[in-house]
Protein backbone atom coordinates (compact mmCIF):
# COMPACT_ATOMS: atom_id res chain seq x y z
CA MET A 1 12.10 -15.47 0.74
CA ARG A 2 10.05 -14.56 -2.32
CA ASP A 3 8.74 -18.16 -2.40
CA LEU A 4 6.70 -17.26 0.68
CA ILE A 5 4.22 -15.38 -1.49
CA ASP A 6 3.86 -18.05 -4.18
CA ILE A 7 0.45 -19.72 -4.20
CA SER A 8 -0.61 -22.81 -6.12
CA TYR A 9 -4.17 -22.06 -7.17
CA ASN A 10 -4.53 -25.50 -8.79
CA GLU A 11 -4.28 -26.93 -5.27
CA HIS A 12 -6.08 -24.14 -3.42
CA GLU A 13 -9.31 -25.34 -1.78
CA ARG A 14 -11.11 -22.09 -2.65
CA TYR A 15 -10.10 -22.07 -6.32
CA SER A 16 -9.41 -25.62 -7.52
CA GLN A 17 -13.10 -26.50 -7.84
CA ILE A 18 -13.97 -23.41 -9.90
CA PRO A 19 -14.91 -24.52 -13.45
CA ILE A 20 -12.68 -23.57 -16.37
CA SER A 21 -14.15 -22.72 -19.77
CA GLU A 22 -12.84 -21.22 -22.98
CA ASP A 23 -15.35 -18.36 -22.84
CA ILE A 24 -14.30 -17.29 -19.36
CA LYS A 25 -10.63 -17.77 -20.26
CA SER A 26 -11.04 -15.33 -23.11
CA ILE A 27 -12.73 -12.70 -20.94
CA ALA A 28 -10.19 -13.07 -18.13
CA TYR A 29 -7.17 -12.88 -20.40
CA LYS A 30 -8.46 -9.78 -22.20
CA LYS A 31 -9.01 -7.98 -18.88
CA PHE A 32 -5.54 -8.98 -17.74
CA ASN A 33 -3.86 -8.07 -21.02
CA ASP A 34 -5.44 -4.61 -21.20
CA ALA A 35 -4.28 -3.82 -17.67
CA PHE A 36 -0.84 -5.34 -18.15
CA SER A 37 -0.19 -3.21 -21.23
CA GLN A 38 -0.91 -0.04 -19.27
CA ILE A 39 1.28 -1.01 -16.34
CA TRP A 40 4.17 -2.35 -18.42
CA ASN A 41 4.22 0.81 -20.55
CA ALA A 42 4.21 2.95 -17.39
CA GLU A 43 7.13 0.93 -16.03
CA LYS A 44 9.15 1.39 -19.23
CA LYS A 45 8.36 5.11 -19.35
CA LEU A 46 9.63 5.66 -15.80
CA ILE A 47 12.78 3.59 -16.40
CA SER A 48 13.59 5.85 -19.36
CA LYS A 49 13.62 8.85 -17.02
CA VAL A 50 16.36 7.49 -14.77
CA ALA A 51 19.27 9.92 -14.50
CA MET A 52 22.04 10.73 -12.06
CA GLN A 53 20.73 12.78 -9.13
CA PRO A 54 22.75 15.38 -7.19
CA GLU A 55 24.68 13.82 -4.31
CA ILE A 56 23.06 14.12 -0.89
CA LYS A 57 25.26 16.21 1.40
CA ASN A 58 23.27 15.92 4.63
CA VAL A 59 24.57 12.97 6.71
CA GLN A 60 21.18 12.21 8.25
CA ASN A 61 19.52 12.04 4.83
CA LYS A 62 22.35 9.91 3.49
CA ASN A 63 21.55 7.42 6.24
CA LEU A 64 17.84 7.59 5.39
CA LEU A 65 18.63 6.72 1.77
CA LYS A 66 20.95 3.89 2.79
CA LYS A 67 18.26 2.30 4.98
CA LEU A 68 15.58 2.86 2.34
CA ASN A 69 17.72 1.14 -0.30
CA LYS A 70 18.39 -1.81 1.99
CA ASN A 71 14.97 -2.38 3.52
CA GLY A 72 12.50 -0.59 1.24
CA ILE A 73 11.31 1.38 4.26
CA VAL A 74 12.73 3.89 6.73
CA LYS A 75 11.35 5.87 9.67
CA PHE A 76 11.65 9.65 9.90
CA SER A 77 10.44 12.51 12.11
CA LEU A 78 9.15 15.97 11.29
CA ALA A 79 10.57 18.90 13.23
CA LYS A 80 8.78 19.35 16.57
CA GLN A 81 7.69 22.94 15.86
CA PHE A 82 6.32 21.97 12.46
CA THR A 83 4.52 18.98 14.00
CA ARG A 84 2.68 21.31 16.37
CA GLU A 85 1.70 23.55 13.45
CA LEU A 86 0.61 20.57 11.36
CA LEU A 87 -1.60 19.18 14.14
CA THR A 88 -3.30 22.55 14.55
CA LEU A 89 -3.78 22.85 10.79
CA SER A 90 -5.22 19.33 10.70
CA GLU A 91 -7.90 19.82 13.39
CA PRO A 92 -10.78 21.02 11.14
CA PHE A 93 -10.07 18.27 8.62
CA VAL A 94 -10.09 15.62 11.35
CA GLU A 95 -13.47 16.94 12.54
CA SER A 96 -14.85 16.90 9.00
CA LEU A 97 -13.55 13.37 8.37
CA THR A 98 -15.04 12.19 11.65
CA ALA A 99 -18.43 13.55 10.61
CA LYS A 100 -18.09 11.84 7.22
CA ARG A 101 -17.28 8.55 8.93
CA ASN A 102 -20.27 8.87 11.27
CA GLU A 103 -22.59 8.98 8.27
CA LYS A 104 -21.29 5.65 6.95
CA LYS A 105 -22.21 2.17 8.04
CA ARG A 106 -19.25 0.43 9.72
CA GLU A 107 -19.23 -2.33 7.10
CA LEU A 108 -18.59 0.35 4.44
CA LEU A 109 -15.65 1.84 6.31
CA GLY A 110 -12.70 0.52 4.39
CA VAL A 111 -9.75 2.61 3.30
CA GLU A 112 -11.38 4.99 0.84
CA ALA A 113 -14.53 5.56 2.88
CA ALA A 114 -12.35 6.54 5.83
CA SER A 115 -10.26 9.04 3.83
CA THR A 116 -10.36 12.59 2.52
CA LEU A 117 -8.17 14.27 -0.10
CA LEU A 118 -6.29 17.30 1.26
CA GLY A 119 -4.43 18.31 -1.90
CA ARG A 120 -3.15 17.16 -5.26
CA ILE A 121 -0.35 18.39 -7.48
CA LYS A 122 -1.38 20.98 -10.10
CA SER A 123 -5.14 20.34 -9.89
CA ASP A 124 -5.61 21.17 -6.17
CA GLU A 125 -2.49 22.57 -4.52
CA SER A 126 -4.28 23.58 -1.32
CA ASP A 127 -2.64 25.54 1.49
CA TYR A 128 -2.32 22.29 3.44
CA TYR A 129 -0.62 20.59 0.50
CA CYS A 130 1.81 23.47 -0.08
CA ILE A 131 2.77 23.86 3.58
CA LEU A 132 3.52 20.15 3.93
CA ARG A 133 5.31 19.97 0.57
CA ASP A 134 7.55 22.92 1.44
CA GLU A 135 8.51 21.39 4.81
CA LEU A 136 9.38 18.06 3.22
CA GLU A 137 11.47 19.91 0.67
CA ARG A 138 13.26 21.75 3.48
CA GLN A 139 13.97 18.48 5.29
CA GLY A 140 15.40 16.92 2.14
CA ILE A 141 12.78 14.18 1.87
CA PHE A 142 12.31 14.72 -1.88
CA GLU A 143 16.07 14.58 -2.33
CA VAL A 144 16.15 11.17 -0.64
CA ALA A 145 13.17 9.93 -2.67
CA SER A 146 14.61 11.15 -5.98
CA ASN A 147 17.96 9.47 -5.30
CA TYR A 148 16.17 6.23 -4.49
CA PHE A 149 14.57 5.90 -7.94
CA GLY A 150 17.11 7.97 -9.87
CA ARG A 151 14.56 10.46 -11.14
CA GLN A 152 12.93 13.62 -9.79
CA LEU A 153 10.01 12.74 -7.51
CA LYS A 154 7.28 15.15 -6.47
CA LEU A 155 4.40 15.09 -4.02
CA LYS A 156 1.40 13.92 -6.02
CA MET A 157 -1.26 13.96 -3.31
CA VAL A 158 -1.98 14.18 0.41
CA ILE A 159 -4.77 12.09 1.94
CA MET A 160 -5.99 12.06 5.53
CA GLN A 161 -7.25 8.71 6.82
CA LYS A 162 -9.01 7.83 10.04
CA ASN A 163 -9.54 4.22 11.06
CA SER A 164 -10.87 2.44 14.13
CA ASP A 165 -11.23 -1.11 15.35
CA ASN A 166 -14.96 -0.92 14.53
CA ASP A 167 -14.32 -0.52 10.81
CA SER A 168 -15.20 -3.73 9.04
CA GLY A 169 -14.74 -2.71 5.42
CA ILE A 170 -11.21 -4.07 5.05
CA LYS A 171 -12.00 -7.24 6.99
CA SER A 172 -15.09 -7.96 4.92
CA VAL A 173 -13.41 -7.62 1.51
CA CYS A 174 -10.50 -9.74 2.77
CA ALA A 175 -12.73 -12.64 3.84
CA PHE A 176 -14.18 -15.48 1.78
CA ASP A 177 -17.93 -15.88 1.44
CA ASP A 178 -18.10 -18.16 4.48
CA GLY A 179 -16.40 -15.52 6.63
CA SER A 180 -13.03 -17.28 6.87
CA ARG A 181 -10.02 -14.99 6.76
CA SER A 182 -6.27 -15.57 6.51
CA ASP A 183 -3.98 -14.43 9.33
CA CYS A 184 -2.10 -12.54 6.59
CA TYR A 185 -5.22 -10.80 5.27
CA TYR A 186 -4.60 -7.56 3.37
CA MET A 187 -0.89 -8.26 2.83
CA HIS A 188 -0.23 -6.73 -0.58
CA ILE A 189 1.90 -4.68 -2.89
CA ASP A 190 0.36 -1.57 -4.46
CA SER A 191 -0.78 -1.36 -8.07
CA SER A 192 1.00 1.93 -8.80
CA VAL A 193 4.39 1.59 -10.51
CA GLN A 194 7.73 2.72 -9.03
CA THR A 195 6.12 4.75 -6.28
CA LEU A 196 7.19 5.80 -2.83
CA LYS A 197 4.59 6.40 -0.17
CA MET A 198 4.83 8.20 3.14
CA ILE A 199 2.71 7.84 6.24
CA ILE A 200 2.74 10.54 8.92
CA TYR A 201 1.04 9.76 12.21
CA LEU A 202 -1.23 12.49 13.61
CA THR A 203 -2.17 10.45 16.68
CA PRO A 204 -0.12 8.05 18.85
CA THR A 205 -0.18 4.77 16.94
CA THR A 206 0.96 1.35 18.14
CA ARG A 207 0.59 -2.25 17.01
CA SER A 208 -2.66 -2.33 18.99
CA ASN A 209 -4.35 0.52 17.13
CA GLY A 210 -3.41 0.21 13.50
CA ALA A 211 0.32 0.90 13.11
CA PHE A 212 1.71 0.36 9.62
CA ARG A 213 3.21 -3.07 8.89
CA TYR A 214 5.91 -3.91 6.34
CA ILE A 215 8.27 -6.77 5.59
CA PRO A 216 11.76 -5.23 5.26
CA GLN A 217 13.64 -6.15 2.07
CA SER A 218 10.50 -7.60 0.47
CA HIS A 219 10.76 -4.83 -2.17
CA LYS A 220 13.51 -7.01 -3.70
CA TRP A 221 11.54 -10.26 -3.69
CA ILE A 222 9.97 -10.03 -7.13
CA SER A 223 11.15 -8.92 -10.56
CA PRO A 224 9.68 -5.91 -12.38
CA LEU A 225 7.90 -8.33 -14.73
CA GLU A 226 6.25 -10.24 -11.88
CA ALA A 227 5.34 -7.00 -10.15
CA CYS A 228 3.59 -5.86 -13.34
CA ILE A 229 1.69 -9.17 -13.55
CA ARG A 230 0.49 -8.83 -9.97
CA ARG A 231 -0.45 -5.19 -10.49
CA ALA A 232 -2.30 -5.99 -13.71
CA ASN A 233 -4.54 -8.49 -11.90
CA ASP A 234 -5.26 -5.84 -9.30
CA MET A 235 -6.02 -3.15 -11.88
CA ALA A 236 -8.23 -5.56 -13.83
CA GLY A 237 -10.22 -6.38 -10.69
CA LEU A 238 -9.16 -10.03 -10.76
CA ASP A 239 -7.57 -10.35 -7.34
CA SER A 240 -10.58 -9.69 -5.09
CA LEU A 241 -12.58 -12.42 -3.36
CA ASP A 242 -16.00 -11.95 -4.91
CA ASP A 243 -17.34 -14.82 -7.02
CA LYS A 244 -16.94 -13.12 -10.39
CA ALA A 245 -13.32 -12.09 -9.78
CA MET A 246 -12.38 -15.53 -8.44
CA HIS A 247 -13.91 -17.28 -11.48
CA LEU A 248 -12.06 -15.00 -13.88
CA PHE A 249 -8.77 -15.32 -12.00
CA ARG A 250 -9.01 -19.12 -11.90
CA ASN A 251 -9.34 -19.14 -15.69
CA LEU A 252 -6.07 -17.30 -16.25
CA PRO A 253 -3.00 -19.31 -17.31
CA PRO A 254 -1.15 -20.56 -14.17
CA ALA A 255 1.93 -18.48 -15.06
CA ILE A 256 0.00 -15.24 -14.47
CA GLN A 257 -2.08 -16.38 -11.50
CA LYS A 258 -0.29 -13.95 -9.22
CA LYS A 259 -1.99 -11.32 -7.11
CA ALA A 260 -0.95 -7.95 -5.74
CA ASN A 261 -3.32 -8.51 -2.80
CA PHE A 262 -2.08 -12.05 -2.20
CA GLY A 263 -2.32 -12.31 1.61
CA ASN A 264 -6.03 -13.11 1.58
CA ASP A 265 -5.35 -16.40 -0.22
CA LEU A 266 -2.83 -17.70 2.34
CA ILE A 267 -5.40 -19.95 3.92
CA GLY A 268 -6.01 -23.68 4.23
CA SER A 269 -3.29 -25.78 2.60
CA GLN A 270 -1.89 -22.62 1.03
CA GLY A 271 -1.49 -20.99 4.43
CA LYS A 272 1.68 -22.92 5.22
CA ASN A 273 3.84 -19.79 4.77
CA ALA A 274 1.60 -17.50 6.81
CA ALA A 275 3.52 -17.93 10.08
CA SER A 276 6.84 -17.19 8.38
CA LEU A 277 5.48 -14.02 6.80
CA LEU A 278 4.04 -12.83 10.10
CA GLN A 279 7.43 -13.34 11.76
CA LEU A 280 9.10 -11.23 9.07
CA GLU A 281 6.50 -8.46 9.31
CA ASN A 282 7.70 -5.38 11.23
CA ILE A 283 5.27 -3.04 12.95
CA TYR A 284 6.15 0.66 12.76
CA GLU A 285 4.72 2.46 15.74
CA GLY A 286 4.89 6.23 15.98
CA LYS A 287 4.08 9.44 17.83
CA PRO A 288 2.43 12.45 16.12
CA GLY A 289 4.88 13.86 13.60
CA GLU A 290 6.68 10.55 13.13
CA GLY A 291 6.27 8.39 10.09
CA ILE A 292 7.74 6.17 7.41
CA ILE A 293 8.78 6.32 3.78
CA PHE A 294 8.37 3.04 1.91
CA ASP A 295 8.62 1.41 -1.49
CA ASN A 296 5.14 0.19 -2.35
CA SER A 297 6.61 -2.85 -4.16
CA GLY A 298 7.31 -4.28 -0.72
CA VAL A 299 4.78 -6.38 1.19
CA HIS A 300 2.74 -4.23 3.56
CA ARG A 301 -0.62 -3.58 5.17
CA GLY A 302 -2.18 -1.10 7.57
CA ALA A 303 -5.15 -0.47 9.84
CA ILE A 304 -4.80 -3.85 11.58
CA PHE A 305 -6.27 -3.44 15.06
CA GLU A 306 -5.55 -5.80 17.95
CA GLU A 307 -7.45 -3.78 20.57
CA PRO A 308 -10.16 -1.09 20.62
CA GLY A 309 -8.81 2.23 19.40
CA GLU A 310 -8.39 4.53 16.44
CA ARG A 311 -5.67 6.25 14.43
CA VAL A 312 -5.40 9.31 12.21
CA ILE A 313 -2.68 9.43 9.56
CA LEU A 314 -1.60 11.36 6.52
CA GLN A 315 -0.79 9.27 3.47
CA LEU A 316 1.44 10.91 0.87
CA LEU A 317 2.14 9.66 -2.64
CA LEU A 318 5.48 10.55 -4.25
CA VAL A 319 5.80 10.06 -8.03
């Protein structure tokens, strides 16, 4: 299955005609190498922290861990009473985020421009952050996450995100300069190393209005080394579709021409695997208080709208 994300840039219509020069090669490789060193060292540091975790006693959480290990993703639900409290607590932040969005042009509304930070470990442990952290601790979510990676995981940050079908930020950065866009646009793995993410829906969310999408078991498709290569290109700014990034990326050695945000390039002759990937992609719909935990090394994307609508989610980072 991992072959589905391999792309031959020597044969890619959008890249094959880009000139190669020694000067650009040198610049591109230095950018890649600097980023790769950081990511590879982070990977080794986290591996060194692996240790036996206490056995999970709760049957429900044992099943969560089993599914997470198998698929790289698992659905969960917050307690109903806590969900009601969380929605009430979220109301002023949703209003503030809505006002922030209204001040932006729709073409600037990508992921970051449609988000607001609600709390961060140590530097900004807000009431919102602490209340949510304590509930996840009570439900055993951190126990599941820590057993998954074999080291103690904590809640690093909580972000609220609001998206609508009118947002064009993601679509614009995932399109080539002539406006063409792959059916698999925005399919990617994240650049952060050995990380679990959580998404909690605050509004009813379906495939029509931006539900999260993930390819189960894709977290096992690539080796740690390949994952670091892909993440390094992302960190170095070499996997975007602007002219400068494409020229630099094309001048990398073929062995490291691998992107974290690879879905955008599945177009033209290199789009032959797009249909297969779309068939493998699962869409995780949810009611308020429902959500998913996922390994960000798996292939995923979000905020894909098929009809007019909007969604509000919490995105949590566990490290």
